[in-house]
Amino acid sequence: MGESIGKQLKQARLKRGLSVEDISHETRIPVARLRDLEDDNYADFPSPTYARSFLTIYSDFLEVDAAEFMEALKGPNSPLIAGRNY
């Protein structure tokens, strides 16, 4: 895997001249969760399903290919699941 998905999302957002608040307004994803995605921080999501869903919406909105990262977020070694009791 190359550059993290969070870094790719942030770069795509900045390239378009959009703020996190702009993205939140357009996607209805809370600002705090957008920042978590850009920071590759999945610990504050209520469940892996929310994290994957928000990642899909955000990456689609910015036209960033997140398929490779979505695969990495599945399974028992996923950073979404590690250390969490879902």
C-alpha atoms as a PDB file:
ATOM      1  CA  MET A   1       0.000   0.000   0.000  1.00  0.00           C
ATOM      2  CA  GLY A   2       1.257   3.466  -0.807  1.00  0.00           C
ATOM      3  CA  GLU A   3       0.204   6.681   0.831  1.00  0.00           C
ATOM      4  CA  SER A   4      -2.494   6.356   3.500  1.00  0.00           C
ATOM      5  CA  ILE A   5      -6.106   6.885   2.475  1.00  0.00           C
ATOM      6  CA  GLY A   6      -6.412   9.689   5.009  1.00  0.00           C
ATOM      7  CA  LYS A   7      -3.540  11.583   3.430  1.00  0.00           C
ATOM      8  CA  GLN A   8      -4.996  11.017  -0.051  1.00  0.00           C
ATOM      9  CA  LEU A   9      -8.388  12.327   1.062  1.00  0.00           C
ATOM     10  CA  LYS A  10      -6.896  15.428   2.665  1.00  0.00           C
ATOM     11  CA  GLN A  11      -4.757  16.171  -0.401  1.00  0.00           C
ATOM     12  CA  ALA A  12      -7.762  15.747  -2.720  1.00  0.00           C
ATOM     13  CA  ARG A  13      -9.870  18.031  -0.514  1.00  0.00           C
ATOM     14  CA  LEU A  14      -7.192  20.722  -0.372  1.00  0.00           C
ATOM     15  CA  LYS A  15      -6.571  20.463  -4.127  1.00  0.00           C
ATOM     16  CA  ARG A  16     -10.245  21.309  -4.665  1.00  0.00           C
ATOM     17  CA  GLY A  17     -10.052  24.211  -2.213  1.00  0.00           C
ATOM     18  CA  LEU A  18     -12.637  22.692   0.120  1.00  0.00           C
ATOM     19  CA  SER A  19     -12.760  22.853   3.903  1.00  0.00           C
ATOM     20  CA  VAL A  20     -13.758  19.967   6.143  1.00  0.00           C
ATOM     21  CA  GLU A  21     -16.908  21.959   6.877  1.00  0.00           C
ATOM     22  CA  ASP A  22     -17.686  22.153   3.131  1.00  0.00           C
ATOM     23  CA  ILE A  23     -17.369  18.378   2.850  1.00  0.00           C
ATOM     24  CA  SER A  24     -19.503  17.860   5.952  1.00  0.00           C
ATOM     25  CA  HIS A  25     -22.248  20.032   4.499  1.00  0.00           C
ATOM     26  CA  GLU A  26     -22.236  18.159   1.195  1.00  0.00           C
ATOM     27  CA  THR A  27     -21.933  14.617   2.557  1.00  0.00           C
ATOM     28  CA  ARG A  28     -23.682  14.957   5.939  1.00  0.00           C
ATOM     29  CA  ILE A  29     -20.679  13.295   7.590  1.00  0.00           C
ATOM     30  CA  PRO A  30     -19.843  15.020  10.904  1.00  0.00           C
ATOM     31  CA  VAL A  31     -16.709  17.188  10.819  1.00  0.00           C
ATOM     32  CA  ALA A  32     -15.094  15.161  13.607  1.00  0.00           C
ATOM     33  CA  ARG A  33     -15.497  11.925  11.633  1.00  0.00           C
ATOM     34  CA  LEU A  34     -14.043  13.543   8.487  1.00  0.00           C
ATOM     35  CA  ARG A  35     -11.024  14.607  10.510  1.00  0.00           C
ATOM     36  CA  ASP A  36     -10.736  11.070  11.886  1.00  0.00           C
ATOM     37  CA  LEU A  37     -10.744   9.690   8.340  1.00  0.00           C
ATOM     38  CA  GLU A  38      -8.072  12.155   7.234  1.00  0.00           C
ATOM     39  CA  ASP A  39      -6.001  11.194  10.290  1.00  0.00           C
ATOM     40  CA  ASP A  40      -6.526   7.463   9.641  1.00  0.00           C
ATOM     41  CA  ASN A  41      -8.020   7.285  13.129  1.00  0.00           C
ATOM     42  CA  TYR A  42     -10.841   4.745  13.303  1.00  0.00           C
ATOM     43  CA  ALA A  43     -10.980   4.374  17.089  1.00  0.00           C
ATOM     44  CA  ASP A  44     -13.755   6.955  17.584  1.00  0.00           C
ATOM     45  CA  PHE A  45     -16.207   5.414  15.130  1.00  0.00           C
ATOM     46  CA  PRO A  46     -19.127   3.615  16.789  1.00  0.00           C
ATOM     47  CA  SER A  47     -18.555   0.543  14.607  1.00  0.00           C
ATOM     48  CA  PRO A  48     -16.495  -0.653  11.632  1.00  0.00           C
ATOM     49  CA  THR A  49     -19.632  -0.370   9.511  1.00  0.00           C
ATOM     50  CA  TYR A  50     -19.849   3.378  10.128  1.00  0.00           C
ATOM     51  CA  ALA A  51     -16.168   3.850   9.368  1.00  0.00           C
ATOM     52  CA  ARG A  52     -16.360   1.922   6.093  1.00  0.00           C
ATOM     53  CA  SER A  53     -19.564   3.696   5.098  1.00  0.00           C
ATOM     54  CA  PHE A  54     -18.181   7.173   5.786  1.00  0.00           C
ATOM     55  CA  LEU A  55     -14.924   6.284   4.033  1.00  0.00           C
ATOM     56  CA  THR A  56     -16.887   5.169   0.966  1.00  0.00           C
ATOM     57  CA  ILE A  57     -18.988   8.350   0.894  1.00  0.00           C
ATOM     58  CA  TYR A  58     -16.003  10.637   1.423  1.00  0.00           C
ATOM     59  CA  SER A  59     -13.753   8.927  -1.106  1.00  0.00           C
ATOM     60  CA  ASP A  60     -16.543   8.809  -3.719  1.00  0.00           C
ATOM     61  CA  PHE A  61     -17.262  12.514  -3.188  1.00  0.00           C
ATOM     62  CA  LEU A  62     -13.607  13.396  -3.774  1.00  0.00           C
ATOM     63  CA  GLU A  63     -13.177  10.759  -6.510  1.00  0.00           C
ATOM     64  CA  VAL A  64     -10.391   9.008  -4.592  1.00  0.00           C
ATOM     65  CA  ASP A  65     -10.053   5.270  -5.167  1.00  0.00           C
ATOM     66  CA  ALA A  66     -10.347   3.694  -1.713  1.00  0.00           C
ATOM     67  CA  ALA A  67     -10.838   0.075  -2.831  1.00  0.00           C
ATOM     68  CA  GLU A  68      -7.390  -1.060  -1.685  1.00  0.00           C
ATOM     69  CA  PHE A  69      -7.931   0.512   1.737  1.00  0.00           C
ATOM     70  CA  MET A  70     -11.461  -0.854   2.090  1.00  0.00           C
ATOM     71  CA  GLU A  71     -10.040  -4.362   1.680  1.00  0.00           C
ATOM     72  CA  ALA A  72      -7.421  -3.631   4.317  1.00  0.00           C
ATOM     73  CA  LEU A  73     -10.178  -2.598   6.731  1.00  0.00           C
ATOM     74  CA  LYS A  74     -11.823  -6.005   6.623  1.00  0.00           C
ATOM     75  CA  GLY A  75     -10.978  -9.040   8.695  1.00  0.00           C
ATOM     76  CA  PRO A  76      -9.619  -9.699  12.155  1.00  0.00           C
ATOM     77  CA  ASN A  77      -6.408  -7.708  11.641  1.00  0.00           C
ATOM     78  CA  SER A  78      -8.260  -4.586  10.614  1.00  0.00           C
ATOM     79  CA  PRO A  79      -7.334  -1.372  12.431  1.00  0.00           C
ATOM     80  CA  LEU A  80     -11.075  -0.882  12.870  1.00  0.00           C
ATOM     81  CA  ILE A  81     -11.424  -4.064  14.860  1.00  0.00           C
ATOM     82  CA  ALA A  82      -8.097  -4.404  16.659  1.00  0.00           C
ATOM     83  CA  GLY A  83      -8.533  -3.678  20.340  1.00  0.00           C
ATOM     84  CA  ARG A  84     -12.259  -3.030  20.069  1.00  0.00           C
ATOM     85  CA  ASN A  85     -15.144  -5.036  21.479  1.00  0.00           C
ATOM     86  CA  TYR A  86     -17.913  -4.844  18.926  1.00  0.00           C
END
